[in-house]
Amino acid sequence: MKKTIASSFVLLLAFTFVLLAQNFTVDIAKVPDGTYLGEFRSGEGFYDFSYQASVKVAGGKLVEIKPIKVPNRTVEKLATAEFAKMVKANKVDVDAATKASYKGVVHNALTVKKAYKK
């Protein structure tokens, strides 16, 4: 059992490092005004999480980012805090500490530009 948990943790850690190496830079000034749906899937098997967020852009700035679908309430609170940092800095790649899944969902919204409808 301990070996399985340790192996799972190592795989999760390796996956996280791969995601951190991704470039999440987006020129927000070039994104048309609107509210977009971002989607991101993280992990496999037991650690399979799906994230969704709405990302509102106006005047070349991030105006609001709201989590729509997250694994649980704890992640929702963490995501909300990270999204607030992105809005304040007006960029996706705020810092190295921001989890790749939060960056990924916002990056997806700003590059795919799928309109979000409630």
C-alpha atoms as a PDB file:
ATOM      1  CA  MET A   1       0.000   0.000   0.000  1.00  0.00           C
ATOM      2  CA  LYS A   2       2.775   2.446   0.915  1.00  0.00           C
ATOM      3  CA  LYS A   3       4.584   1.669  -2.363  1.00  0.00           C
ATOM      4  CA  THR A   4       1.410   2.371  -4.332  1.00  0.00           C
ATOM      5  CA  ILE A   5       0.905   5.707  -2.591  1.00  0.00           C
ATOM      6  CA  ALA A   6       4.560   6.612  -3.059  1.00  0.00           C
ATOM      7  CA  SER A   7       4.437   5.637  -6.741  1.00  0.00           C
ATOM      8  CA  SER A   8       1.271   7.667  -7.265  1.00  0.00           C
ATOM      9  CA  PHE A   9       2.849  10.677  -5.579  1.00  0.00           C
ATOM     10  CA  VAL A  10       5.970  10.426  -7.766  1.00  0.00           C
ATOM     11  CA  LEU A  11       3.822  10.261 -10.912  1.00  0.00           C
ATOM     12  CA  LEU A  12       1.779  13.240  -9.793  1.00  0.00           C
ATOM     13  CA  LEU A  13       4.942  15.194  -9.006  1.00  0.00           C
ATOM     14  CA  ALA A  14       6.444  14.354 -12.411  1.00  0.00           C
ATOM     15  CA  PHE A  15       3.223  15.397 -14.157  1.00  0.00           C
ATOM     16  CA  THR A  16       3.239  18.679 -12.224  1.00  0.00           C
ATOM     17  CA  PHE A  17       6.806  19.451 -13.349  1.00  0.00           C
ATOM     18  CA  VAL A  18       5.820  18.827 -16.976  1.00  0.00           C
ATOM     19  CA  LEU A  19       2.924  21.266 -16.616  1.00  0.00           C
ATOM     20  CA  LEU A  20       5.096  23.870 -14.920  1.00  0.00           C
ATOM     21  CA  ALA A  21       7.424  23.786 -17.916  1.00  0.00           C
ATOM     22  CA  GLN A  22       4.569  24.879 -20.189  1.00  0.00           C
ATOM     23  CA  ASN A  23       4.418  28.439 -21.405  1.00  0.00           C
ATOM     24  CA  PHE A  24       1.161  30.103 -20.344  1.00  0.00           C
ATOM     25  CA  THR A  25       1.940  33.526 -21.819  1.00  0.00           C
ATOM     26  CA  VAL A  26      -0.982  35.223 -23.568  1.00  0.00           C
ATOM     27  CA  ASP A  27      -1.081  38.771 -24.963  1.00  0.00           C
ATOM     28  CA  ILE A  28      -4.330  39.747 -23.244  1.00  0.00           C
ATOM     29  CA  ALA A  29      -4.423  43.095 -25.066  1.00  0.00           C
ATOM     30  CA  LYS A  30      -5.096  41.138 -28.286  1.00  0.00           C
ATOM     31  CA  VAL A  31      -7.971  39.081 -26.845  1.00  0.00           C
ATOM     32  CA  PRO A  32     -11.355  40.479 -27.957  1.00  0.00           C
ATOM     33  CA  ASP A  33     -13.730  41.655 -25.235  1.00  0.00           C
ATOM     34  CA  GLY A  34     -15.954  38.868 -23.989  1.00  0.00           C
ATOM     35  CA  THR A  35     -16.413  36.100 -21.449  1.00  0.00           C
ATOM     36  CA  TYR A  36     -14.751  32.825 -22.354  1.00  0.00           C
ATOM     37  CA  LEU A  37     -14.974  29.270 -21.061  1.00  0.00           C
ATOM     38  CA  GLY A  38     -11.667  27.709 -20.081  1.00  0.00           C
ATOM     39  CA  GLU A  39     -11.266  23.964 -19.673  1.00  0.00           C
ATOM     40  CA  PHE A  40      -8.319  21.990 -18.350  1.00  0.00           C
ATOM     41  CA  ARG A  41      -7.841  18.364 -17.399  1.00  0.00           C
ATOM     42  CA  SER A  42      -5.127  17.390 -14.959  1.00  0.00           C
ATOM     43  CA  GLY A  43      -3.787  13.932 -14.189  1.00  0.00           C
ATOM     44  CA  GLU A  44      -4.995  10.412 -14.803  1.00  0.00           C
ATOM     45  CA  GLY A  45      -6.806   7.712 -12.857  1.00  0.00           C
ATOM     46  CA  PHE A  46      -7.179   8.575  -9.176  1.00  0.00           C
ATOM     47  CA  TYR A  47      -5.717  12.046  -9.756  1.00  0.00           C
ATOM     48  CA  ASP A  48      -7.960  12.864 -12.729  1.00  0.00           C
ATOM     49  CA  PHE A  49      -9.371  16.359 -12.210  1.00  0.00           C
ATOM     50  CA  SER A  50     -11.331  18.546 -14.600  1.00  0.00           C
ATOM     51  CA  TYR A  51     -11.390  22.300 -14.218  1.00  0.00           C
ATOM     52  CA  GLN A  52     -13.581  24.939 -15.847  1.00  0.00           C
ATOM     53  CA  ALA A  53     -13.542  28.688 -15.380  1.00  0.00           C
ATOM     54  CA  SER A  54     -15.159  31.724 -16.960  1.00  0.00           C
ATOM     55  CA  VAL A  55     -12.688  34.419 -17.962  1.00  0.00           C
ATOM     56  CA  LYS A  56     -13.941  37.929 -18.705  1.00  0.00           C
ATOM     57  CA  VAL A  57     -11.804  40.296 -20.780  1.00  0.00           C
ATOM     58  CA  ALA A  58     -12.608  43.955 -21.472  1.00  0.00           C
ATOM     59  CA  GLY A  59     -10.412  46.679 -22.899  1.00  0.00           C
ATOM     60  CA  GLY A  60      -7.416  44.364 -23.174  1.00  0.00           C
ATOM     61  CA  LYS A  61      -7.519  43.497 -19.479  1.00  0.00           C
ATOM     62  CA  LEU A  62      -8.552  40.553 -17.364  1.00  0.00           C
ATOM     63  CA  VAL A  63     -11.670  41.738 -15.565  1.00  0.00           C
ATOM     64  CA  GLU A  64     -12.895  38.617 -13.775  1.00  0.00           C
ATOM     65  CA  ILE A  65     -12.078  34.922 -13.531  1.00  0.00           C
ATOM     66  CA  LYS A  66     -14.542  32.603 -11.820  1.00  0.00           C
ATOM     67  CA  PRO A  67     -14.194  28.888 -11.156  1.00  0.00           C
ATOM     68  CA  ILE A  68     -17.119  26.955 -12.624  1.00  0.00           C
ATOM     69  CA  LYS A  69     -16.081  23.345 -12.162  1.00  0.00           C
ATOM     70  CA  VAL A  70     -13.395  22.294  -9.685  1.00  0.00           C
ATOM     71  CA  PRO A  71     -12.811  19.027  -7.774  1.00  0.00           C
ATOM     72  CA  ASN A  72     -13.974  20.364  -4.374  1.00  0.00           C
ATOM     73  CA  ARG A  73     -14.593  23.452  -2.196  1.00  0.00           C
ATOM     74  CA  THR A  74     -10.984  23.610  -1.005  1.00  0.00           C
ATOM     75  CA  VAL A  75      -9.740  23.766  -4.598  1.00  0.00           C
ATOM     76  CA  GLU A  76     -12.428  26.350  -5.376  1.00  0.00           C
ATOM     77  CA  LYS A  77     -11.065  28.645  -2.651  1.00  0.00           C
ATOM     78  CA  LEU A  78      -7.479  28.147  -3.825  1.00  0.00           C
ATOM     79  CA  ALA A  79      -8.446  28.730  -7.459  1.00  0.00           C
ATOM     80  CA  THR A  80     -10.353  31.905  -6.571  1.00  0.00           C
ATOM     81  CA  ALA A  81      -7.267  33.293  -4.801  1.00  0.00           C
ATOM     82  CA  GLU A  82      -4.989  32.416  -7.731  1.00  0.00           C
ATOM     83  CA  PHE A  83      -7.440  33.893 -10.244  1.00  0.00           C
ATOM     84  CA  ALA A  84      -7.514  37.138  -8.240  1.00  0.00           C
ATOM     85  CA  LYS A  85      -3.703  37.342  -8.566  1.00  0.00           C
ATOM     86  CA  MET A  86      -4.001  36.913 -12.329  1.00  0.00           C
ATOM     87  CA  VAL A  87      -6.628  39.654 -12.616  1.00  0.00           C
ATOM     88  CA  LYS A  88      -4.560  42.019 -10.469  1.00  0.00           C
ATOM     89  CA  ALA A  89      -1.396  41.386 -12.522  1.00  0.00           C
ATOM     90  CA  ASN A  90      -3.350  41.206 -15.809  1.00  0.00           C
ATOM     91  CA  LYS A  91      -1.476  38.081 -16.850  1.00  0.00           C
ATOM     92  CA  VAL A  92      -1.840  34.311 -16.652  1.00  0.00           C
ATOM     93  CA  ASP A  93       1.709  33.373 -15.703  1.00  0.00           C
ATOM     94  CA  VAL A  94       1.787  35.307 -12.435  1.00  0.00           C
ATOM     95  CA  ASP A  95       4.388  33.309 -10.533  1.00  0.00           C
ATOM     96  CA  ALA A  96       5.975  29.884 -10.282  1.00  0.00           C
ATOM     97  CA  ALA A  97       3.862  28.994  -7.251  1.00  0.00           C
ATOM     98  CA  THR A  98       0.562  29.237  -9.136  1.00  0.00           C
ATOM     99  CA  LYS A  99      -0.544  25.717 -10.000  1.00  0.00           C
ATOM    100  CA  ALA A 100      -0.380  24.763 -13.648  1.00  0.00           C
ATOM    101  CA  SER A 101      -4.018  23.636 -13.618  1.00  0.00           C
ATOM    102  CA  TYR A 102      -5.185  27.163 -12.735  1.00  0.00           C
ATOM    103  CA  LYS A 103      -2.928  28.683 -15.372  1.00  0.00           C
ATOM    104  CA  GLY A 104      -4.014  26.029 -17.859  1.00  0.00           C
ATOM    105  CA  VAL A 105      -7.727  26.690 -17.528  1.00  0.00           C
ATOM    106  CA  VAL A 106      -7.283  30.460 -18.003  1.00  0.00           C
ATOM    107  CA  HIS A 107      -4.792  29.991 -20.848  1.00  0.00           C
ATOM    108  CA  ASN A 108      -7.277  27.677 -22.574  1.00  0.00           C
ATOM    109  CA  ALA A 109     -10.050  30.265 -22.275  1.00  0.00           C
ATOM    110  CA  LEU A 110      -7.903  33.037 -23.752  1.00  0.00           C
ATOM    111  CA  THR A 111      -6.472  31.009 -26.631  1.00  0.00           C
ATOM    112  CA  VAL A 112      -9.477  28.884 -27.664  1.00  0.00           C
ATOM    113  CA  LYS A 113     -11.924  31.759 -27.069  1.00  0.00           C
ATOM    114  CA  LYS A 114     -14.987  29.570 -26.612  1.00  0.00           C
ATOM    115  CA  ALA A 115     -17.831  31.899 -25.576  1.00  0.00           C
ATOM    116  CA  TYR A 116     -19.143  31.219 -22.068  1.00  0.00           C
ATOM    117  CA  LYS A 117     -22.898  31.125 -21.650  1.00  0.00           C
ATOM    118  CA  LYS A 118     -24.522  30.527 -18.276  1.00  0.00           C
END
